[in-house]
């Protein structure tokens, strides 16, 4: 079947290659291995990197399903894609569970591993992070708190304020009950991290569908960024909290990140 498809391609279309690695990356802070999918372009690079975060209930393979032919897309875009299994962690170092240290894993352990084992540009200006739903929250949380590690960040349908959802998505198991520790919940909401930013610290892209249950919190996130003078791209489009929406949304994010990398002259030329 594959050969038949290739045979039917017009002769002027590039034969994109690239590969997908599925590996286990050690997390000393959590004393376990975390599954990570890495899509690598063909060639020696070095390449910029986009970290793609899954939502609640997802795993390291989520983005393989949302980006058909992910290796070929990575090759075409001349970027490495890194997709860690974020479990249902919300990408926090949990104040309740000592063995949940996904902020440490994402901001230190995984980046160091990827830069040591893949042909990357090991610089924040060549590193972006985005994600869907819980992963959109995670991308904002991590980028805002670790501006020395990430130069650009995005959120698709992100749960960027957890406080309106005290009974959902196992958040209480990671932070404690909201009614018992509201200060902890506020401190762990991505929207509460905006005060850490100054305009220009990060290139930001945020989007959410009109029919999404996170639409209101994304609008509030956008307004708070405006109040703090933080320039950013904010898109609203028809759509809900669906795979169809995210498969479309990631295209916009890759264009945004590609422009950011090119502005810094950090993406190898296309073949």
C-alpha atoms as a PDB file:
ATOM      1  CA  UNK A   1       0.000   0.000   0.000  1.00  0.00           C
ATOM      2  CA  UNK A   2       2.767   2.420   0.874  1.00  0.00           C
ATOM      3  CA  UNK A   3       4.578   1.813  -2.390  1.00  0.00           C
ATOM      4  CA  UNK A   4       1.382   2.401  -4.317  1.00  0.00           C
ATOM      5  CA  UNK A   5       0.870   5.754  -2.634  1.00  0.00           C
ATOM      6  CA  UNK A   6       4.440   6.791  -3.319  1.00  0.00           C
ATOM      7  CA  UNK A   7       4.100   5.767  -6.928  1.00  0.00           C
ATOM      8  CA  UNK A   8       1.098   8.050  -7.352  1.00  0.00           C
ATOM      9  CA  UNK A   9       2.840  11.148  -5.970  1.00  0.00           C
ATOM     10  CA  UNK A  10       3.733  13.771  -8.587  1.00  0.00           C
ATOM     11  CA  UNK A  11       7.415  13.760  -9.486  1.00  0.00           C
ATOM     12  CA  UNK A  12       7.854  17.339  -8.252  1.00  0.00           C
ATOM     13  CA  UNK A  13       6.839  16.509  -4.654  1.00  0.00           C
ATOM     14  CA  UNK A  14       9.738  16.009  -2.184  1.00  0.00           C
ATOM     15  CA  UNK A  15      10.243  12.532  -0.751  1.00  0.00           C
ATOM     16  CA  UNK A  16      10.271  13.549   2.909  1.00  0.00           C
ATOM     17  CA  UNK A  17      11.919  11.085   5.248  1.00  0.00           C
ATOM     18  CA  UNK A  18      12.568  11.384   8.971  1.00  0.00           C
ATOM     19  CA  UNK A  19      11.992   8.807  11.671  1.00  0.00           C
ATOM     20  CA  UNK A  20      10.098   8.215  14.905  1.00  0.00           C
ATOM     21  CA  UNK A  21      11.853   6.913  18.020  1.00  0.00           C
ATOM     22  CA  UNK A  22       9.948   5.549  21.009  1.00  0.00           C
ATOM     23  CA  UNK A  23      12.114   5.453  24.093  1.00  0.00           C
ATOM     24  CA  UNK A  24      12.215   5.492  27.866  1.00  0.00           C
ATOM     25  CA  UNK A  25      13.867   8.506  29.469  1.00  0.00           C
ATOM     26  CA  UNK A  26      15.026   8.190  33.037  1.00  0.00           C
ATOM     27  CA  UNK A  27      13.648  10.670  35.553  1.00  0.00           C
ATOM     28  CA  UNK A  28      15.910  10.672  38.618  1.00  0.00           C
ATOM     29  CA  UNK A  29      13.518  12.998  40.438  1.00  0.00           C
ATOM     30  CA  UNK A  30      10.643  10.513  40.061  1.00  0.00           C
ATOM     31  CA  UNK A  31      12.795   7.380  40.133  1.00  0.00           C
ATOM     32  CA  UNK A  32      11.137   5.961  37.037  1.00  0.00           C
ATOM     33  CA  UNK A  33      11.375   5.940  33.263  1.00  0.00           C
ATOM     34  CA  UNK A  34       8.991   8.078  31.206  1.00  0.00           C
ATOM     35  CA  UNK A  35       7.932   7.045  27.713  1.00  0.00           C
ATOM     36  CA  UNK A  36       8.780   9.645  25.069  1.00  0.00           C
ATOM     37  CA  UNK A  37       8.130   9.689  21.325  1.00  0.00           C
ATOM     38  CA  UNK A  38      10.622  11.704  19.261  1.00  0.00           C
ATOM     39  CA  UNK A  39      10.125  12.573  15.584  1.00  0.00           C
ATOM     40  CA  UNK A  40      13.467  13.398  13.971  1.00  0.00           C
ATOM     41  CA  UNK A  41      14.112  15.024  10.588  1.00  0.00           C
ATOM     42  CA  UNK A  42      16.500  13.464   8.122  1.00  0.00           C
ATOM     43  CA  UNK A  43      19.952  15.035   8.126  1.00  0.00           C
ATOM     44  CA  UNK A  44      22.567  16.153  10.594  1.00  0.00           C
ATOM     45  CA  UNK A  45      20.891  19.354  11.765  1.00  0.00           C
ATOM     46  CA  UNK A  46      21.168  20.908  14.200  1.00  0.00           C
ATOM     47  CA  UNK A  47      17.413  21.424  14.472  1.00  0.00           C
ATOM     48  CA  UNK A  48      15.138  23.468  16.732  1.00  0.00           C
ATOM     49  CA  UNK A  49      12.802  21.481  18.983  1.00  0.00           C
ATOM     50  CA  UNK A  50       9.057  21.615  19.633  1.00  0.00           C
ATOM     51  CA  UNK A  51       7.804  19.840  22.768  1.00  0.00           C
ATOM     52  CA  UNK A  52       4.225  18.565  22.353  1.00  0.00           C
ATOM     53  CA  UNK A  53       2.239  17.852  25.516  1.00  0.00           C
ATOM     54  CA  UNK A  54      -0.718  15.476  25.748  1.00  0.00           C
ATOM     55  CA  UNK A  55      -3.979  16.171  27.534  1.00  0.00           C
ATOM     56  CA  UNK A  56      -5.598  14.370  30.452  1.00  0.00           C
ATOM     57  CA  UNK A  57      -6.005  10.686  29.621  1.00  0.00           C
ATOM     58  CA  UNK A  58      -3.465  10.924  26.797  1.00  0.00           C
ATOM     59  CA  UNK A  59       0.061   9.580  26.519  1.00  0.00           C
ATOM     60  CA  UNK A  60       3.292   9.825  24.551  1.00  0.00           C
ATOM     61  CA  UNK A  61       1.541   8.596  21.383  1.00  0.00           C
ATOM     62  CA  UNK A  62      -1.263  11.186  21.400  1.00  0.00           C
ATOM     63  CA  UNK A  63       0.421  13.444  18.886  1.00  0.00           C
ATOM     64  CA  UNK A  64       1.195  10.595  16.492  1.00  0.00           C
ATOM     65  CA  UNK A  65      -2.563  10.272  16.091  1.00  0.00           C
ATOM     66  CA  UNK A  66      -3.151  14.006  15.727  1.00  0.00           C
ATOM     67  CA  UNK A  67      -0.322  14.631  13.247  1.00  0.00           C
ATOM     68  CA  UNK A  68      -0.565  11.964  10.522  1.00  0.00           C
ATOM     69  CA  UNK A  69       2.892  11.127   9.229  1.00  0.00           C
ATOM     70  CA  UNK A  70       4.546  12.931  12.120  1.00  0.00           C
ATOM     71  CA  UNK A  71       8.063  11.943  11.000  1.00  0.00           C
ATOM     72  CA  UNK A  72       7.477  13.400   7.552  1.00  0.00           C
ATOM     73  CA  UNK A  73       6.011  16.578   9.058  1.00  0.00           C
ATOM     74  CA  UNK A  74       9.057  16.946  11.321  1.00  0.00           C
ATOM     75  CA  UNK A  75      11.284  16.483   8.283  1.00  0.00           C
ATOM     76  CA  UNK A  76       9.344  18.990   6.194  1.00  0.00           C
ATOM     77  CA  UNK A  77       9.341  21.568   9.002  1.00  0.00           C
ATOM     78  CA  UNK A  78      13.012  20.874   9.864  1.00  0.00           C
ATOM     79  CA  UNK A  79      12.132  20.546  13.553  1.00  0.00           C
ATOM     80  CA  UNK A  80      12.476  17.791  16.144  1.00  0.00           C
ATOM     81  CA  UNK A  81       9.173  16.945  17.847  1.00  0.00           C
ATOM     82  CA  UNK A  82       9.347  15.583  21.402  1.00  0.00           C
ATOM     83  CA  UNK A  83       6.202  14.013  22.860  1.00  0.00           C
ATOM     84  CA  UNK A  84       6.555  12.928  26.512  1.00  0.00           C
ATOM     85  CA  UNK A  85       3.941  10.949  28.396  1.00  0.00           C
ATOM     86  CA  UNK A  86       2.652  13.565  30.820  1.00  0.00           C
ATOM     87  CA  UNK A  87       0.413  10.982  32.509  1.00  0.00           C
ATOM     88  CA  UNK A  88      -2.348  12.971  34.268  1.00  0.00           C
ATOM     89  CA  UNK A  89       0.161  15.192  36.052  1.00  0.00           C
ATOM     90  CA  UNK A  90      -0.876  18.654  34.812  1.00  0.00           C
ATOM     91  CA  UNK A  91       2.926  19.013  34.467  1.00  0.00           C
ATOM     92  CA  UNK A  92       3.384  20.057  38.084  1.00  0.00           C
ATOM     93  CA  UNK A  93       5.744  19.063  40.832  1.00  0.00           C
ATOM     94  CA  UNK A  94       2.879  17.999  43.077  1.00  0.00           C
ATOM     95  CA  UNK A  95       2.884  19.386  46.627  1.00  0.00           C
ATOM     96  CA  UNK A  96       0.901  16.287  47.657  1.00  0.00           C
ATOM     97  CA  UNK A  97       2.580  13.408  45.809  1.00  0.00           C
ATOM     98  CA  UNK A  98       6.350  13.261  46.184  1.00  0.00           C
ATOM     99  CA  UNK A  99       6.694  10.979  43.156  1.00  0.00           C
ATOM    100  CA  UNK A 100       4.996  13.414  40.742  1.00  0.00           C
ATOM    101  CA  UNK A 101       7.745  15.749  39.515  1.00  0.00           C
ATOM    102  CA  UNK A 102       6.795  16.493  35.947  1.00  0.00           C
ATOM    103  CA  UNK A 103       7.850  20.134  36.084  1.00  0.00           C
ATOM    104  CA  UNK A 104      11.345  19.019  37.015  1.00  0.00           C
ATOM    105  CA  UNK A 105      11.270  16.297  34.367  1.00  0.00           C
ATOM    106  CA  UNK A 106      10.112  18.628  31.603  1.00  0.00           C
ATOM    107  CA  UNK A 107      12.238  21.661  32.426  1.00  0.00           C
ATOM    108  CA  UNK A 108      15.469  19.855  33.287  1.00  0.00           C
ATOM    109  CA  UNK A 109      15.749  16.115  32.807  1.00  0.00           C
ATOM    110  CA  UNK A 110      14.033  15.694  29.447  1.00  0.00           C
ATOM    111  CA  UNK A 111      15.565  18.766  27.802  1.00  0.00           C
ATOM    112  CA  UNK A 112      19.041  17.704  28.893  1.00  0.00           C
ATOM    113  CA  UNK A 113      18.441  14.193  27.555  1.00  0.00           C
ATOM    114  CA  UNK A 114      17.136  15.371  24.184  1.00  0.00           C
ATOM    115  CA  UNK A 115      19.968  17.842  23.666  1.00  0.00           C
ATOM    116  CA  UNK A 116      22.519  15.150  24.554  1.00  0.00           C
ATOM    117  CA  UNK A 117      21.082  12.454  22.251  1.00  0.00           C
ATOM    118  CA  UNK A 118      19.649  14.332  19.250  1.00  0.00           C
ATOM    119  CA  UNK A 119      20.990  16.926  16.761  1.00  0.00           C
ATOM    120  CA  UNK A 120      19.335  19.937  18.383  1.00  0.00           C
ATOM    121  CA  UNK A 121      20.184  23.591  18.781  1.00  0.00           C
ATOM    122  CA  UNK A 122      20.642  23.574  22.538  1.00  0.00           C
ATOM    123  CA  UNK A 123      19.335  27.077  23.157  1.00  0.00           C
ATOM    124  CA  UNK A 124      16.054  28.514  24.460  1.00  0.00           C
ATOM    125  CA  UNK A 125      15.646  30.465  21.219  1.00  0.00           C
ATOM    126  CA  UNK A 126      15.434  27.134  19.393  1.00  0.00           C
ATOM    127  CA  UNK A 127      13.022  25.530  21.854  1.00  0.00           C
ATOM    128  CA  UNK A 128       9.224  25.793  21.843  1.00  0.00           C
ATOM    129  CA  UNK A 129       6.507  24.040  23.811  1.00  0.00           C
ATOM    130  CA  UNK A 130       2.792  23.615  23.210  1.00  0.00           C
ATOM    131  CA  UNK A 131       0.018  21.226  24.115  1.00  0.00           C
ATOM    132  CA  UNK A 132      -3.677  20.516  24.183  1.00  0.00           C
ATOM    133  CA  UNK A 133      -6.102  20.818  27.105  1.00  0.00           C
ATOM    134  CA  UNK A 134      -4.106  19.774  30.209  1.00  0.00           C
ATOM    135  CA  UNK A 135      -1.046  20.034  27.957  1.00  0.00           C
ATOM    136  CA  UNK A 136      -1.941  23.603  27.012  1.00  0.00           C
ATOM    137  CA  UNK A 137      -1.962  24.451  30.700  1.00  0.00           C
ATOM    138  CA  UNK A 138       1.337  22.584  31.068  1.00  0.00           C
ATOM    139  CA  UNK A 139       2.997  24.478  28.231  1.00  0.00           C
ATOM    140  CA  UNK A 140       2.031  27.850  29.740  1.00  0.00           C
ATOM    141  CA  UNK A 141       2.989  26.743  33.260  1.00  0.00           C
ATOM    142  CA  UNK A 142       6.394  25.455  32.195  1.00  0.00           C
ATOM    143  CA  UNK A 143       7.303  28.237  29.790  1.00  0.00           C
ATOM    144  CA  UNK A 144       6.299  31.031  32.169  1.00  0.00           C
ATOM    145  CA  UNK A 145       8.276  29.494  35.014  1.00  0.00           C
ATOM    146  CA  UNK A 146      11.296  28.453  32.933  1.00  0.00           C
ATOM    147  CA  UNK A 147      11.933  31.246  30.463  1.00  0.00           C
ATOM    148  CA  UNK A 148      15.597  30.267  30.490  1.00  0.00           C
ATOM    149  CA  UNK A 149      14.628  26.972  28.821  1.00  0.00           C
ATOM    150  CA  UNK A 150      11.870  27.925  26.373  1.00  0.00           C
ATOM    151  CA  UNK A 151      11.698  30.793  23.901  1.00  0.00           C
ATOM    152  CA  UNK A 152       8.195  30.205  22.538  1.00  0.00           C
ATOM    153  CA  UNK A 153       5.049  28.586  23.868  1.00  0.00           C
ATOM    154  CA  UNK A 154       1.528  27.738  22.810  1.00  0.00           C
ATOM    155  CA  UNK A 155      -1.739  26.428  24.171  1.00  0.00           C
ATOM    156  CA  UNK A 156      -4.596  24.697  22.331  1.00  0.00           C
ATOM    157  CA  UNK A 157      -7.888  24.527  24.235  1.00  0.00           C
ATOM    158  CA  UNK A 158      -5.812  24.855  27.376  1.00  0.00           C
ATOM    159  CA  UNK A 159      -7.092  24.459  30.919  1.00  0.00           C
ATOM    160  CA  UNK A 160      -5.214  27.630  31.760  1.00  0.00           C
ATOM    161  CA  UNK A 161      -7.222  28.283  34.934  1.00  0.00           C
ATOM    162  CA  UNK A 162      -8.044  25.203  37.015  1.00  0.00           C
ATOM    163  CA  UNK A 163     -10.008  26.983  39.742  1.00  0.00           C
ATOM    164  CA  UNK A 164     -13.440  26.832  38.065  1.00  0.00           C
ATOM    165  CA  UNK A 165     -13.133  23.023  37.882  1.00  0.00           C
ATOM    166  CA  UNK A 166     -12.523  21.805  41.463  1.00  0.00           C
ATOM    167  CA  UNK A 167     -14.034  18.366  40.937  1.00  0.00           C
ATOM    168  CA  UNK A 168     -12.478  17.474  37.584  1.00  0.00           C
ATOM    169  CA  UNK A 169      -9.539  15.592  36.109  1.00  0.00           C
ATOM    170  CA  UNK A 170      -7.938  14.343  39.351  1.00  0.00           C
ATOM    171  CA  UNK A 171      -6.576  17.796  40.133  1.00  0.00           C
ATOM    172  CA  UNK A 172      -7.464  17.445  43.818  1.00  0.00           C
ATOM    173  CA  UNK A 173      -5.342  14.296  44.065  1.00  0.00           C
ATOM    174  CA  UNK A 174      -2.314  16.386  43.039  1.00  0.00           C
ATOM    175  CA  UNK A 175      -3.017  19.619  44.962  1.00  0.00           C
ATOM    176  CA  UNK A 176      -5.441  18.725  47.723  1.00  0.00           C
ATOM    177  CA  UNK A 177      -9.098  19.751  47.771  1.00  0.00           C
ATOM    178  CA  UNK A 178      -9.752  23.241  46.481  1.00  0.00           C
ATOM    179  CA  UNK A 179     -11.984  24.228  49.414  1.00  0.00           C
ATOM    180  CA  UNK A 180      -9.262  23.191  51.861  1.00  0.00           C
ATOM    181  CA  UNK A 181      -6.297  24.834  50.121  1.00  0.00           C
ATOM    182  CA  UNK A 182      -7.496  27.558  47.707  1.00  0.00           C
ATOM    183  CA  UNK A 183      -4.118  29.299  47.858  1.00  0.00           C
ATOM    184  CA  UNK A 184      -2.426  26.181  46.485  1.00  0.00           C
ATOM    185  CA  UNK A 185      -4.922  25.985  43.636  1.00  0.00           C
ATOM    186  CA  UNK A 186      -4.415  29.634  42.774  1.00  0.00           C
ATOM    187  CA  UNK A 187      -0.646  29.262  42.849  1.00  0.00           C
ATOM    188  CA  UNK A 188      -0.791  26.246  40.512  1.00  0.00           C
ATOM    189  CA  UNK A 189      -3.026  27.838  37.873  1.00  0.00           C
ATOM    190  CA  UNK A 190      -1.200  28.881  34.722  1.00  0.00           C
ATOM    191  CA  UNK A 191      -3.110  32.175  34.680  1.00  0.00           C
ATOM    192  CA  UNK A 192      -1.528  33.055  38.032  1.00  0.00           C
ATOM    193  CA  UNK A 193       1.948  32.849  36.485  1.00  0.00           C
ATOM    194  CA  UNK A 194       1.410  35.750  34.089  1.00  0.00           C
ATOM    195  CA  UNK A 195       2.916  38.159  36.635  1.00  0.00           C
ATOM    196  CA  UNK A 196       6.255  36.467  35.982  1.00  0.00           C
ATOM    197  CA  UNK A 197       6.316  37.770  32.404  1.00  0.00           C
ATOM    198  CA  UNK A 198       7.498  40.932  30.758  1.00  0.00           C
ATOM    199  CA  UNK A 199       6.610  41.691  27.177  1.00  0.00           C
ATOM    200  CA  UNK A 200       9.034  39.961  24.831  1.00  0.00           C
ATOM    201  CA  UNK A 201      10.091  37.233  27.252  1.00  0.00           C
ATOM    202  CA  UNK A 202       8.275  34.584  25.187  1.00  0.00           C
ATOM    203  CA  UNK A 203       6.654  34.292  21.790  1.00  0.00           C
ATOM    204  CA  UNK A 204       3.102  33.180  22.624  1.00  0.00           C
ATOM    205  CA  UNK A 205       0.266  31.631  20.631  1.00  0.00           C
ATOM    206  CA  UNK A 206      -3.052  30.683  22.249  1.00  0.00           C
ATOM    207  CA  UNK A 207      -6.232  29.379  20.675  1.00  0.00           C
ATOM    208  CA  UNK A 208      -9.541  27.833  21.682  1.00  0.00           C
ATOM    209  CA  UNK A 209     -12.786  26.849  19.977  1.00  0.00           C
ATOM    210  CA  UNK A 210     -16.042  28.719  20.558  1.00  0.00           C
ATOM    211  CA  UNK A 211     -17.789  25.550  21.733  1.00  0.00           C
ATOM    212  CA  UNK A 212     -15.023  24.496  24.129  1.00  0.00           C
ATOM    213  CA  UNK A 213     -15.738  24.335  27.879  1.00  0.00           C
ATOM    214  CA  UNK A 214     -12.367  26.087  28.370  1.00  0.00           C
ATOM    215  CA  UNK A 215     -13.378  28.999  26.129  1.00  0.00           C
ATOM    216  CA  UNK A 216     -14.134  31.388  29.010  1.00  0.00           C
ATOM    217  CA  UNK A 217     -10.882  30.751  30.869  1.00  0.00           C
ATOM    218  CA  UNK A 218      -8.928  31.226  27.638  1.00  0.00           C
ATOM    219  CA  UNK A 219     -10.617  34.578  27.071  1.00  0.00           C
ATOM    220  CA  UNK A 220      -9.753  35.570  30.631  1.00  0.00           C
ATOM    221  CA  UNK A 221      -6.160  34.435  30.073  1.00  0.00           C
ATOM    222  CA  UNK A 222      -5.996  36.582  26.919  1.00  0.00           C
ATOM    223  CA  UNK A 223      -7.410  39.604  28.774  1.00  0.00           C
ATOM    224  CA  UNK A 224      -4.942  39.246  31.623  1.00  0.00           C
ATOM    225  CA  UNK A 225      -2.031  39.099  29.164  1.00  0.00           C
ATOM    226  CA  UNK A 226      -3.339  42.315  27.610  1.00  0.00           C
ATOM    227  CA  UNK A 227      -3.638  43.950  31.027  1.00  0.00           C
ATOM    228  CA  UNK A 228       0.017  43.136  31.674  1.00  0.00           C
ATOM    229  CA  UNK A 229       1.088  44.411  28.266  1.00  0.00           C
ATOM    230  CA  UNK A 230       2.190  40.980  27.025  1.00  0.00           C
ATOM    231  CA  UNK A 231       1.891  40.765  23.235  1.00  0.00           C
ATOM    232  CA  UNK A 232       0.653  37.419  21.957  1.00  0.00           C
ATOM    233  CA  UNK A 233      -1.282  35.752  19.178  1.00  0.00           C
ATOM    234  CA  UNK A 234      -4.807  34.755  20.239  1.00  0.00           C
ATOM    235  CA  UNK A 235      -7.139  32.869  17.903  1.00  0.00           C
ATOM    236  CA  UNK A 236     -10.711  31.765  18.365  1.00  0.00           C
ATOM    237  CA  UNK A 237     -12.341  29.492  15.819  1.00  0.00           C
ATOM    238  CA  UNK A 238     -15.404  27.290  15.551  1.00  0.00           C
ATOM    239  CA  UNK A 239     -14.877  23.976  17.300  1.00  0.00           C
ATOM    240  CA  UNK A 240     -14.986  22.136  20.574  1.00  0.00           C
ATOM    241  CA  UNK A 241     -12.671  20.074  22.740  1.00  0.00           C
ATOM    242  CA  UNK A 242     -11.967  17.557  19.993  1.00  0.00           C
ATOM    243  CA  UNK A 243      -9.203  15.772  18.123  1.00  0.00           C
ATOM    244  CA  UNK A 244     -10.435  17.369  14.912  1.00  0.00           C
ATOM    245  CA  UNK A 245      -9.872  20.818  16.397  1.00  0.00           C
ATOM    246  CA  UNK A 246      -6.347  19.992  17.640  1.00  0.00           C
ATOM    247  CA  UNK A 247      -5.276  18.348  14.380  1.00  0.00           C
ATOM    248  CA  UNK A 248      -6.108  21.641  12.687  1.00  0.00           C
ATOM    249  CA  UNK A 249      -4.742  23.864  15.468  1.00  0.00           C
ATOM    250  CA  UNK A 250      -1.264  22.319  15.481  1.00  0.00           C
ATOM    251  CA  UNK A 251      -0.750  23.554  11.918  1.00  0.00           C
ATOM    252  CA  UNK A 252      -1.083  27.156  13.079  1.00  0.00           C
ATOM    253  CA  UNK A 253       1.302  26.545  15.952  1.00  0.00           C
ATOM    254  CA  UNK A 254       3.969  25.044  13.716  1.00  0.00           C
ATOM    255  CA  UNK A 255       3.776  28.036  11.377  1.00  0.00           C
ATOM    256  CA  UNK A 256       4.109  30.343  14.389  1.00  0.00           C
ATOM    257  CA  UNK A 257       7.084  28.428  15.795  1.00  0.00           C
ATOM    258  CA  UNK A 258       8.722  28.161  12.379  1.00  0.00           C
ATOM    259  CA  UNK A 259       8.552  31.931  12.006  1.00  0.00           C
ATOM    260  CA  UNK A 260      10.054  32.328  15.473  1.00  0.00           C
ATOM    261  CA  UNK A 261      12.917  29.955  14.681  1.00  0.00           C
ATOM    262  CA  UNK A 262      13.566  31.543  11.299  1.00  0.00           C
ATOM    263  CA  UNK A 263      13.672  34.995  12.851  1.00  0.00           C
ATOM    264  CA  UNK A 264      16.511  33.717  14.986  1.00  0.00           C
ATOM    265  CA  UNK A 265      18.130  31.927  11.997  1.00  0.00           C
ATOM    266  CA  UNK A 266      17.934  28.619  13.835  1.00  0.00           C
ATOM    267  CA  UNK A 267      16.091  26.353  11.373  1.00  0.00           C
ATOM    268  CA  UNK A 268      18.030  24.516   8.632  1.00  0.00           C
ATOM    269  CA  UNK A 269      16.889  25.266   5.115  1.00  0.00           C
ATOM    270  CA  UNK A 270      14.330  22.976   3.553  1.00  0.00           C
ATOM    271  CA  UNK A 271      15.606  20.334   1.182  1.00  0.00           C
END
